[in-house]
Amino acid sequence: MGCVAGSLLVKTADENKKDIRSSIRITRSDTNEMVGPVSSNKSIELGKGVYNIEVLSVPKQTKKDVKIDLGEESVVEFIVNATPVVERPARQDSQTGPVKSTSRFMSQRSL
């Protein structure tokens, strides 16, 4: 029995060329039927055909009409902006400064 699928590898990396895992939407070019949401940087098997690849990043990026042939791997690469790390300022009490979070365990005794 011959090969019935090809494969697609969608690579996503940041501007420093470090791999970033991103959500990917794959649709058939002719029908816009969604093949499936997948994660980037993992190979996925697809039937022979032409597909649109969409990286669900901000901003969204697409490559249209990516051809998948039986027994071959197609590779598509995207540069994705790294998600910025947002630091939240410490909450402050107006009279005493930063509020410390503490938790206490209280037990009740039966009488």
C-alpha atoms as a PDB file:
ATOM      1  CA  MET A   1       0.000   0.000   0.000  1.00  0.00           C
ATOM      2  CA  GLY A   2       1.388   3.423  -0.961  1.00  0.00           C
ATOM      3  CA  CYS A   3       1.688   6.606   1.036  1.00  0.00           C
ATOM      4  CA  VAL A   4      -1.697   8.281   1.612  1.00  0.00           C
ATOM      5  CA  ALA A   5      -0.600  11.459   3.357  1.00  0.00           C
ATOM      6  CA  GLY A   6       1.929  14.222   3.329  1.00  0.00           C
ATOM      7  CA  SER A   7       3.010  16.255   6.293  1.00  0.00           C
ATOM      8  CA  LEU A   8       3.130  19.902   7.233  1.00  0.00           C
ATOM      9  CA  LEU A   9       5.479  21.524   9.717  1.00  0.00           C
ATOM     10  CA  VAL A  10       4.595  25.085  10.707  1.00  0.00           C
ATOM     11  CA  LYS A  11       7.575  26.697  12.421  1.00  0.00           C
ATOM     12  CA  THR A  12       7.080  29.791  14.558  1.00  0.00           C
ATOM     13  CA  ALA A  13       9.940  31.717  16.122  1.00  0.00           C
ATOM     14  CA  ASP A  14      10.429  35.136  17.663  1.00  0.00           C
ATOM     15  CA  GLU A  15      12.600  37.902  16.222  1.00  0.00           C
ATOM     16  CA  ASN A  16      15.626  36.278  17.966  1.00  0.00           C
ATOM     17  CA  LYS A  17      14.906  32.979  16.156  1.00  0.00           C
ATOM     18  CA  LYS A  18      13.844  31.253  19.383  1.00  0.00           C
ATOM     19  CA  ASP A  19      11.026  28.731  18.847  1.00  0.00           C
ATOM     20  CA  ILE A  20       7.651  29.889  20.140  1.00  0.00           C
ATOM     21  CA  ARG A  21       4.641  27.598  20.424  1.00  0.00           C
ATOM     22  CA  SER A  22       1.618  29.160  18.714  1.00  0.00           C
ATOM     23  CA  SER A  23      -1.884  28.045  17.866  1.00  0.00           C
ATOM     24  CA  ILE A  24      -2.382  27.338  14.166  1.00  0.00           C
ATOM     25  CA  ARG A  25      -5.585  27.092  12.133  1.00  0.00           C
ATOM     26  CA  ILE A  26      -5.429  25.020   8.948  1.00  0.00           C
ATOM     27  CA  THR A  27      -8.185  25.201   6.318  1.00  0.00           C
ATOM     28  CA  ARG A  28      -8.583  23.719   2.846  1.00  0.00           C
ATOM     29  CA  SER A  29      -8.030  26.439   0.244  1.00  0.00           C
ATOM     30  CA  ASP A  30     -10.900  25.361  -2.017  1.00  0.00           C
ATOM     31  CA  THR A  31     -13.668  24.864   0.576  1.00  0.00           C
ATOM     32  CA  ASN A  32     -12.374  26.795   3.626  1.00  0.00           C
ATOM     33  CA  GLU A  33     -13.153  23.626   5.636  1.00  0.00           C
ATOM     34  CA  MET A  34     -11.192  23.674   8.869  1.00  0.00           C
ATOM     35  CA  VAL A  35      -8.824  20.729   9.102  1.00  0.00           C
ATOM     36  CA  GLY A  36      -8.035  21.419  12.706  1.00  0.00           C
ATOM     37  CA  PRO A  37      -6.421  23.662  15.205  1.00  0.00           C
ATOM     38  CA  VAL A  38      -2.885  22.509  15.980  1.00  0.00           C
ATOM     39  CA  SER A  39       0.223  23.791  17.718  1.00  0.00           C
ATOM     40  CA  SER A  40       3.222  25.036  15.793  1.00  0.00           C
ATOM     41  CA  ASN A  41       6.615  23.341  15.691  1.00  0.00           C
ATOM     42  CA  LYS A  42       4.993  19.886  15.418  1.00  0.00           C
ATOM     43  CA  SER A  43       4.518  17.949  12.218  1.00  0.00           C
ATOM     44  CA  ILE A  44       0.939  17.101  11.220  1.00  0.00           C
ATOM     45  CA  GLU A  45      -0.190  14.601   8.586  1.00  0.00           C
ATOM     46  CA  LEU A  46      -2.530  15.938   5.915  1.00  0.00           C
ATOM     47  CA  GLY A  47      -4.066  14.517   2.760  1.00  0.00           C
ATOM     48  CA  LYS A  48      -2.818  15.699  -0.611  1.00  0.00           C
ATOM     49  CA  GLY A  49      -4.187  19.155  -1.352  1.00  0.00           C
ATOM     50  CA  VAL A  50      -3.809  22.897  -0.984  1.00  0.00           C
ATOM     51  CA  TYR A  51      -4.241  24.540   2.419  1.00  0.00           C
ATOM     52  CA  ASN A  52      -4.308  27.955   4.065  1.00  0.00           C
ATOM     53  CA  ILE A  53      -2.257  28.317   7.251  1.00  0.00           C
ATOM     54  CA  GLU A  54      -3.143  30.920   9.872  1.00  0.00           C
ATOM     55  CA  VAL A  55      -1.052  31.671  12.964  1.00  0.00           C
ATOM     56  CA  LEU A  56      -3.335  32.949  15.717  1.00  0.00           C
ATOM     57  CA  SER A  57      -0.872  35.580  16.878  1.00  0.00           C
ATOM     58  CA  VAL A  58      -1.224  39.332  17.275  1.00  0.00           C
ATOM     59  CA  PRO A  59      -1.295  40.401  14.535  1.00  0.00           C
ATOM     60  CA  LYS A  60      -2.690  37.318  12.817  1.00  0.00           C
ATOM     61  CA  GLN A  61      -0.489  35.938  10.010  1.00  0.00           C
ATOM     62  CA  THR A  62      -1.478  33.736   7.091  1.00  0.00           C
ATOM     63  CA  LYS A  63       0.071  31.870   4.189  1.00  0.00           C
ATOM     64  CA  LYS A  64      -2.319  30.817   1.469  1.00  0.00           C
ATOM     65  CA  ASP A  65      -2.230  27.962  -0.990  1.00  0.00           C
ATOM     66  CA  VAL A  66       0.388  25.779   0.712  1.00  0.00           C
ATOM     67  CA  LYS A  67       0.674  22.606  -1.356  1.00  0.00           C
ATOM     68  CA  ILE A  68       0.873  19.225   0.397  1.00  0.00           C
ATOM     69  CA  ASP A  69       2.067  16.259  -1.691  1.00  0.00           C
ATOM     70  CA  LEU A  70       1.892  12.591  -0.718  1.00  0.00           C
ATOM     71  CA  GLY A  71       4.980  11.309   1.068  1.00  0.00           C
ATOM     72  CA  GLU A  72       6.580  14.757   1.354  1.00  0.00           C
ATOM     73  CA  GLU A  73       6.941  17.260   4.178  1.00  0.00           C
ATOM     74  CA  SER A  74       6.117  20.916   3.528  1.00  0.00           C
ATOM     75  CA  VAL A  75       7.614  23.491   5.890  1.00  0.00           C
ATOM     76  CA  VAL A  76       6.141  26.946   6.478  1.00  0.00           C
ATOM     77  CA  GLU A  77       7.906  29.476   8.700  1.00  0.00           C
ATOM     78  CA  PHE A  78       6.588  32.539  10.544  1.00  0.00           C
ATOM     79  CA  ILE A  79       8.245  35.174  12.721  1.00  0.00           C
ATOM     80  CA  VAL A  80       5.919  35.888  15.660  1.00  0.00           C
ATOM     81  CA  ASN A  81       6.153  38.743  18.130  1.00  0.00           C
ATOM     82  CA  ALA A  82       6.985  37.425  21.581  1.00  0.00           C
ATOM     83  CA  THR A  83       4.239  37.999  24.123  1.00  0.00           C
ATOM     84  CA  PRO A  84       5.396  40.795  26.425  1.00  0.00           C
ATOM     85  CA  VAL A  85       5.621  40.038  30.132  1.00  0.00           C
ATOM     86  CA  VAL A  86       3.493  42.490  32.050  1.00  0.00           C
ATOM     87  CA  GLU A  87       4.460  43.137  35.632  1.00  0.00           C
ATOM     88  CA  ARG A  88       1.695  44.267  37.929  1.00  0.00           C
ATOM     89  CA  PRO A  89       2.551  46.854  40.538  1.00  0.00           C
ATOM     90  CA  ALA A  90       2.200  45.746  44.147  1.00  0.00           C
ATOM     91  CA  ARG A  91      -1.104  46.729  45.694  1.00  0.00           C
ATOM     92  CA  GLN A  92      -0.653  49.367  48.354  1.00  0.00           C
ATOM     93  CA  ASP A  93      -2.644  50.300  51.406  1.00  0.00           C
ATOM     94  CA  SER A  94      -2.962  54.085  51.592  1.00  0.00           C
ATOM     95  CA  GLN A  95      -1.687  54.215  55.197  1.00  0.00           C
ATOM     96  CA  THR A  96       0.859  51.435  55.576  1.00  0.00           C
ATOM     97  CA  GLY A  97       2.388  50.808  52.127  1.00  0.00           C
ATOM     98  CA  PRO A  98       2.385  47.457  50.300  1.00  0.00           C
ATOM     99  CA  VAL A  99      -0.204  44.941  51.458  1.00  0.00           C
ATOM    100  CA  LYS A 100       1.171  41.531  52.429  1.00  0.00           C
ATOM    101  CA  SER A 101      -0.908  38.526  51.625  1.00  0.00           C
ATOM    102  CA  THR A 102      -1.193  35.991  54.414  1.00  0.00           C
ATOM    103  CA  SER A 103      -3.399  33.005  54.921  1.00  0.00           C
ATOM    104  CA  ARG A 104      -4.256  31.398  58.201  1.00  0.00           C
ATOM    105  CA  PHE A 105      -5.820  28.090  58.960  1.00  0.00           C
ATOM    106  CA  MET A 106      -8.420  28.192  61.703  1.00  0.00           C
ATOM    107  CA  SER A 107      -9.796  25.088  63.288  1.00  0.00           C
ATOM    108  CA  GLN A 108     -12.948  24.731  65.278  1.00  0.00           C
ATOM    109  CA  ARG A 109     -13.310  22.409  68.225  1.00  0.00           C
ATOM    110  CA  SER A 110     -16.446  20.512  68.967  1.00  0.00           C
ATOM    111  CA  LEU A 111     -17.946  21.191  72.354  1.00  0.00           C
END
